[in-house]
Amino acid sequence: MKMIGKKLAQRAIERADSGLYFIEDILQFKDGSTDMAYSRSWYILMSLNFELILNALIALESKGNTNEEVIKDITSVRPSHDFEKLSESISPELLNEVGLVSIKKKMKGVFIEYEVMMHDKSKVHVQDLVDVRYDFKKDDLRKSDPQEVSRIKRELKSLRSVVCIVKELAWSANAK
């Protein structure tokens, strides 16, 4: 692991950590379902922070010698917010090490989401960042989920476990 990649990974994973903590903090005293404005905001934040986790992993594996070269490795994936494509640019060994089994793009009605399989057999559903931001262009509405808050709390716990492992890797003295 090159130092410049580790430095960028540290910055990305710290931002993901604080972003996921923010969502957790807001949900701390909520139960049940919410209105679509709340849901949409959480989905955007979860998506953004999940992308930061993947960016941190790409940075950790980057062979780049400069900030620009590492950033080029991160931004070379097209389309840029496709989590399945981003995960394909990370070695299966590293994904496995942080607890991610697979990331698959799925359609949920007319909306795109990613099903993230974790080592503990749990699933995290992350909305497509572009799709959730511009969902007003669709001829449909997201279906309400009466278990939304409890589901998101479980998913956040899973993502935070990945963040903890990535943080350990990003700050490890004996880099691979």
C-alpha atoms as a PDB file:
ATOM      1  CA  MET A   1       0.000   0.000   0.000  1.00  0.00           C
ATOM      2  CA  LYS A   2       1.419   3.348  -0.965  1.00  0.00           C
ATOM      3  CA  MET A   3       1.310   6.153   1.569  1.00  0.00           C
ATOM      4  CA  ILE A   4      -0.579   8.544  -0.700  1.00  0.00           C
ATOM      5  CA  GLY A   5      -3.335   5.960  -1.225  1.00  0.00           C
ATOM      6  CA  LYS A   6      -3.524   5.364   2.517  1.00  0.00           C
ATOM      7  CA  LYS A   7      -3.815   9.104   3.155  1.00  0.00           C
ATOM      8  CA  LEU A   8      -6.716   9.481   0.703  1.00  0.00           C
ATOM      9  CA  ALA A   9      -8.339   6.320   2.094  1.00  0.00           C
ATOM     10  CA  GLN A  10      -8.088   7.781   5.606  1.00  0.00           C
ATOM     11  CA  ARG A  11      -9.845  10.965   4.514  1.00  0.00           C
ATOM     12  CA  ALA A  12     -12.584   9.103   2.627  1.00  0.00           C
ATOM     13  CA  ILE A  13     -13.288   6.609   5.407  1.00  0.00           C
ATOM     14  CA  GLU A  14     -13.388   9.324   8.089  1.00  0.00           C
ATOM     15  CA  ARG A  15     -16.006  11.169   6.051  1.00  0.00           C
ATOM     16  CA  ALA A  16     -17.999   7.964   5.576  1.00  0.00           C
ATOM     17  CA  ASP A  17     -17.760   7.216   9.285  1.00  0.00           C
ATOM     18  CA  SER A  18     -19.025  10.635  10.339  1.00  0.00           C
ATOM     19  CA  GLY A  19     -21.771  10.570   7.693  1.00  0.00           C
ATOM     20  CA  LEU A  20     -23.074   7.175   8.831  1.00  0.00           C
ATOM     21  CA  TYR A  21     -22.859   8.285  12.462  1.00  0.00           C
ATOM     22  CA  PHE A  22     -24.959  11.344  11.569  1.00  0.00           C
ATOM     23  CA  ILE A  23     -27.721   9.125  10.141  1.00  0.00           C
ATOM     24  CA  GLU A  24     -27.520   6.819  13.178  1.00  0.00           C
ATOM     25  CA  ASP A  25     -27.774   9.765  15.526  1.00  0.00           C
ATOM     26  CA  ILE A  26     -30.892  11.101  13.813  1.00  0.00           C
ATOM     27  CA  LEU A  27     -32.537   7.660  13.802  1.00  0.00           C
ATOM     28  CA  GLN A  28     -31.680   6.959  17.428  1.00  0.00           C
ATOM     29  CA  PHE A  29     -35.151   7.843  18.739  1.00  0.00           C
ATOM     30  CA  LYS A  30     -37.219   6.996  15.649  1.00  0.00           C
ATOM     31  CA  ASP A  31     -39.240   3.846  15.038  1.00  0.00           C
ATOM     32  CA  GLY A  32     -41.482   2.593  12.245  1.00  0.00           C
ATOM     33  CA  SER A  33     -41.730   4.347   8.936  1.00  0.00           C
ATOM     34  CA  THR A  34     -41.228   7.920   7.852  1.00  0.00           C
ATOM     35  CA  ASP A  35     -42.389  10.206   5.113  1.00  0.00           C
ATOM     36  CA  MET A  36     -40.681  10.211   1.740  1.00  0.00           C
ATOM     37  CA  ALA A  37     -38.712  13.412   2.407  1.00  0.00           C
ATOM     38  CA  TYR A  38     -36.971  11.798   5.389  1.00  0.00           C
ATOM     39  CA  SER A  39     -36.441   8.562   3.491  1.00  0.00           C
ATOM     40  CA  ARG A  40     -35.007  10.255   0.449  1.00  0.00           C
ATOM     41  CA  SER A  41     -32.545  12.238   2.586  1.00  0.00           C
ATOM     42  CA  TRP A  42     -31.361   9.092   4.390  1.00  0.00           C
ATOM     43  CA  TYR A  43     -31.016   7.195   1.135  1.00  0.00           C
ATOM     44  CA  ILE A  44     -28.920   9.985  -0.374  1.00  0.00           C
ATOM     45  CA  LEU A  45     -26.678  10.100   2.695  1.00  0.00           C
ATOM     46  CA  MET A  46     -26.304   6.313   2.868  1.00  0.00           C
ATOM     47  CA  SER A  47     -25.489   6.169  -0.820  1.00  0.00           C
ATOM     48  CA  LEU A  48     -22.919   8.960  -0.629  1.00  0.00           C
ATOM     49  CA  ASN A  49     -21.219   7.391   2.370  1.00  0.00           C
ATOM     50  CA  PHE A  50     -21.231   3.911   0.850  1.00  0.00           C
ATOM     51  CA  GLU A  51     -19.506   5.357  -2.197  1.00  0.00           C
ATOM     52  CA  LEU A  52     -16.878   6.869   0.122  1.00  0.00           C
ATOM     53  CA  ILE A  53     -16.257   3.402   1.620  1.00  0.00           C
ATOM     54  CA  LEU A  54     -15.669   1.978  -1.863  1.00  0.00           C
ATOM     55  CA  ASN A  55     -13.460   4.947  -2.787  1.00  0.00           C
ATOM     56  CA  ALA A  56     -11.361   4.327   0.327  1.00  0.00           C
ATOM     57  CA  LEU A  57     -10.856   0.702  -0.728  1.00  0.00           C
ATOM     58  CA  ILE A  58      -9.824   1.730  -4.247  1.00  0.00           C
ATOM     59  CA  ALA A  59      -7.374   4.246  -2.753  1.00  0.00           C
ATOM     60  CA  LEU A  60      -5.882   1.565  -0.497  1.00  0.00           C
ATOM     61  CA  GLU A  61      -5.121  -0.627  -3.516  1.00  0.00           C
ATOM     62  CA  SER A  62      -4.003   2.176  -5.805  1.00  0.00           C
ATOM     63  CA  LYS A  63      -0.483   2.018  -7.180  1.00  0.00           C
ATOM     64  CA  GLY A  64      -0.556   5.783  -7.733  1.00  0.00           C
ATOM     65  CA  ASN A  65       2.380   7.879  -6.542  1.00  0.00           C
ATOM     66  CA  THR A  66       0.519  11.199  -6.405  1.00  0.00           C
ATOM     67  CA  ASN A  67      -2.875  12.448  -5.254  1.00  0.00           C
ATOM     68  CA  GLU A  68      -3.848  12.888  -8.888  1.00  0.00           C
ATOM     69  CA  GLU A  69      -2.926   9.308  -9.805  1.00  0.00           C
ATOM     70  CA  VAL A  70      -4.902   7.836  -6.888  1.00  0.00           C
ATOM     71  CA  ILE A  71      -7.876  10.071  -7.651  1.00  0.00           C
ATOM     72  CA  LYS A  72      -7.650   8.973 -11.295  1.00  0.00           C
ATOM     73  CA  ASP A  73      -7.936   5.340 -10.140  1.00  0.00           C
ATOM     74  CA  ILE A  74     -11.057   6.250  -8.163  1.00  0.00           C
ATOM     75  CA  THR A  75     -12.686   8.324 -10.897  1.00  0.00           C
ATOM     76  CA  SER A  76     -11.788   6.028 -13.798  1.00  0.00           C
ATOM     77  CA  VAL A  77     -14.752   3.764 -13.029  1.00  0.00           C
ATOM     78  CA  ARG A  78     -17.659   4.548 -15.350  1.00  0.00           C
ATOM     79  CA  PRO A  79     -20.434   5.248 -14.666  1.00  0.00           C
ATOM     80  CA  SER A  80     -18.857   6.970 -11.692  1.00  0.00           C
ATOM     81  CA  HIS A  81     -21.575   6.223  -9.119  1.00  0.00           C
ATOM     82  CA  ASP A  82     -22.181   2.590 -10.092  1.00  0.00           C
ATOM     83  CA  PHE A  83     -21.396   0.668  -6.906  1.00  0.00           C
ATOM     84  CA  GLU A  84     -21.289  -2.708  -8.644  1.00  0.00           C
ATOM     85  CA  LYS A  85     -18.672  -1.367 -11.098  1.00  0.00           C
ATOM     86  CA  LEU A  86     -16.737   0.309  -8.281  1.00  0.00           C
ATOM     87  CA  SER A  87     -16.666  -2.980  -6.361  1.00  0.00           C
ATOM     88  CA  GLU A  88     -15.362  -4.785  -9.462  1.00  0.00           C
ATOM     89  CA  SER A  89     -12.314  -2.504  -9.399  1.00  0.00           C
ATOM     90  CA  ILE A  90     -11.466  -3.705  -5.861  1.00  0.00           C
ATOM     91  CA  SER A  91      -9.764  -7.043  -5.359  1.00  0.00           C
ATOM     92  CA  PRO A  92     -12.003  -9.839  -4.064  1.00  0.00           C
ATOM     93  CA  GLU A  93      -9.456 -10.357  -1.278  1.00  0.00           C
ATOM     94  CA  LEU A  94      -9.848  -6.810   0.026  1.00  0.00           C
ATOM     95  CA  LEU A  95     -13.649  -6.899  -0.266  1.00  0.00           C
ATOM     96  CA  ASN A  96     -13.612 -10.148   1.676  1.00  0.00           C
ATOM     97  CA  GLU A  97     -11.253  -8.738   4.300  1.00  0.00           C
ATOM     98  CA  VAL A  98     -13.621  -5.848   5.082  1.00  0.00           C
ATOM     99  CA  GLY A  99     -16.701  -8.086   5.188  1.00  0.00           C
ATOM    100  CA  LEU A 100     -18.256  -7.509   1.776  1.00  0.00           C
ATOM    101  CA  VAL A 101     -19.279 -10.601  -0.186  1.00  0.00           C
ATOM    102  CA  SER A 102     -20.929  -9.008  -3.212  1.00  0.00           C
ATOM    103  CA  ILE A 103     -22.547  -5.845  -4.527  1.00  0.00           C
ATOM    104  CA  LYS A 104     -25.240  -6.372  -7.151  1.00  0.00           C
ATOM    105  CA  LYS A 105     -27.281  -3.788  -9.034  1.00  0.00           C
ATOM    106  CA  LYS A 106     -31.008  -4.548  -8.826  1.00  0.00           C
ATOM    107  CA  MET A 107     -34.208  -2.935  -9.995  1.00  0.00           C
ATOM    108  CA  LYS A 108     -36.844  -2.253  -7.369  1.00  0.00           C
ATOM    109  CA  GLY A 109     -39.766  -1.239  -9.520  1.00  0.00           C
ATOM    110  CA  VAL A 110     -38.371   1.580 -11.650  1.00  0.00           C
ATOM    111  CA  PHE A 111     -35.667   2.446  -9.123  1.00  0.00           C
ATOM    112  CA  ILE A 112     -32.074   1.227  -8.994  1.00  0.00           C
ATOM    113  CA  GLU A 113     -30.632  -0.087  -5.759  1.00  0.00           C
ATOM    114  CA  TYR A 114     -27.633  -2.178  -4.824  1.00  0.00           C
ATOM    115  CA  GLU A 115     -27.902  -5.297  -2.740  1.00  0.00           C
ATOM    116  CA  VAL A 116     -24.789  -5.588  -0.617  1.00  0.00           C
ATOM    117  CA  MET A 117     -24.203  -9.052   0.836  1.00  0.00           C
ATOM    118  CA  MET A 118     -22.213  -9.094   4.047  1.00  0.00           C
ATOM    119  CA  HIS A 119     -20.130 -11.919   5.543  1.00  0.00           C
ATOM    120  CA  ASP A 120     -22.629 -12.382   8.343  1.00  0.00           C
ATOM    121  CA  LYS A 121     -25.249 -13.143   5.655  1.00  0.00           C
ATOM    122  CA  SER A 122     -27.037  -9.837   6.264  1.00  0.00           C
ATOM    123  CA  LYS A 123     -27.971  -7.564   3.377  1.00  0.00           C
ATOM    124  CA  VAL A 124     -27.685  -3.836   2.991  1.00  0.00           C
ATOM    125  CA  HIS A 125     -29.781  -2.074   0.355  1.00  0.00           C
ATOM    126  CA  VAL A 126     -28.160   1.089  -0.951  1.00  0.00           C
ATOM    127  CA  GLN A 127     -30.034   3.293  -3.370  1.00  0.00           C
ATOM    128  CA  ASP A 128     -28.304   4.400  -6.538  1.00  0.00           C
ATOM    129  CA  LEU A 129     -26.913   7.883  -5.819  1.00  0.00           C
ATOM    130  CA  VAL A 130     -27.976   9.411  -9.138  1.00  0.00           C
ATOM    131  CA  ASP A 131     -31.330   7.632  -9.187  1.00  0.00           C
ATOM    132  CA  VAL A 132     -32.345   8.737  -5.685  1.00  0.00           C
ATOM    133  CA  ARG A 133     -31.289  12.330  -6.349  1.00  0.00           C
ATOM    134  CA  TYR A 134     -33.247  12.561  -9.575  1.00  0.00           C
ATOM    135  CA  ASP A 135     -36.147  10.235  -8.773  1.00  0.00           C
ATOM    136  CA  PHE A 136     -38.610  13.001  -9.657  1.00  0.00           C
ATOM    137  CA  LYS A 137     -37.950  12.115 -13.293  1.00  0.00           C
ATOM    138  CA  LYS A 138     -39.521   8.680 -12.790  1.00  0.00           C
ATOM    139  CA  ASP A 139     -43.211   7.966 -13.342  1.00  0.00           C
ATOM    140  CA  ASP A 140     -43.470   6.211  -9.991  1.00  0.00           C
ATOM    141  CA  LEU A 141     -42.950   6.782  -6.281  1.00  0.00           C
ATOM    142  CA  ARG A 142     -40.901   4.685  -3.912  1.00  0.00           C
ATOM    143  CA  LYS A 143     -43.053   2.319  -1.894  1.00  0.00           C
ATOM    144  CA  SER A 144     -43.313   3.087   1.795  1.00  0.00           C
ATOM    145  CA  ASP A 145     -41.781   0.559   4.156  1.00  0.00           C
ATOM    146  CA  PRO A 146     -43.320   0.304   7.641  1.00  0.00           C
ATOM    147  CA  GLN A 147     -40.078  -1.297   8.871  1.00  0.00           C
ATOM    148  CA  GLU A 148     -37.877   1.312   7.223  1.00  0.00           C
ATOM    149  CA  VAL A 149     -36.276   2.786  10.334  1.00  0.00           C
ATOM    150  CA  SER A 150     -35.441  -0.562  11.946  1.00  0.00           C
ATOM    151  CA  ARG A 151     -34.113  -1.851   8.594  1.00  0.00           C
ATOM    152  CA  ILE A 152     -31.911   1.203   8.084  1.00  0.00           C
ATOM    153  CA  LYS A 153     -30.603   0.917  11.660  1.00  0.00           C
ATOM    154  CA  ARG A 154     -29.559  -2.702  10.973  1.00  0.00           C
ATOM    155  CA  GLU A 155     -27.991  -1.722   7.670  1.00  0.00           C
ATOM    156  CA  LEU A 156     -26.074   1.128   9.284  1.00  0.00           C
ATOM    157  CA  LYS A 157     -24.688  -1.279  11.869  1.00  0.00           C
ATOM    158  CA  SER A 158     -23.416  -3.521   9.062  1.00  0.00           C
ATOM    159  CA  LEU A 159     -21.856  -0.610   7.170  1.00  0.00           C
ATOM    160  CA  ARG A 160     -20.232   0.718  10.332  1.00  0.00           C
ATOM    161  CA  SER A 161     -18.582  -2.678  10.882  1.00  0.00           C
ATOM    162  CA  VAL A 162     -17.047  -2.372   7.396  1.00  0.00           C
ATOM    163  CA  VAL A 163     -15.919   1.187   8.200  1.00  0.00           C
ATOM    164  CA  CYS A 164     -14.129  -0.039  11.338  1.00  0.00           C
ATOM    165  CA  ILE A 165     -12.129  -2.596   9.358  1.00  0.00           C
ATOM    166  CA  VAL A 166     -11.290  -0.107   6.595  1.00  0.00           C
ATOM    167  CA  LYS A 167     -10.106   2.371   9.235  1.00  0.00           C
ATOM    168  CA  GLU A 168      -7.807  -0.272  10.718  1.00  0.00           C
ATOM    169  CA  LEU A 169      -6.357  -0.969   7.274  1.00  0.00           C
ATOM    170  CA  ALA A 170      -5.963   2.708   6.418  1.00  0.00           C
ATOM    171  CA  TRP A 171      -4.030   3.425   9.608  1.00  0.00           C
ATOM    172  CA  SER A 172      -2.075   0.185   9.875  1.00  0.00           C
ATOM    173  CA  ALA A 173       1.655   0.688  10.226  1.00  0.00           C
ATOM    174  CA  ASN A 174       2.536  -2.547   8.480  1.00  0.00           C
ATOM    175  CA  ALA A 175       0.778  -1.971   5.172  1.00  0.00           C
ATOM    176  CA  LYS A 176       0.535  -4.856   2.756  1.00  0.00           C
END
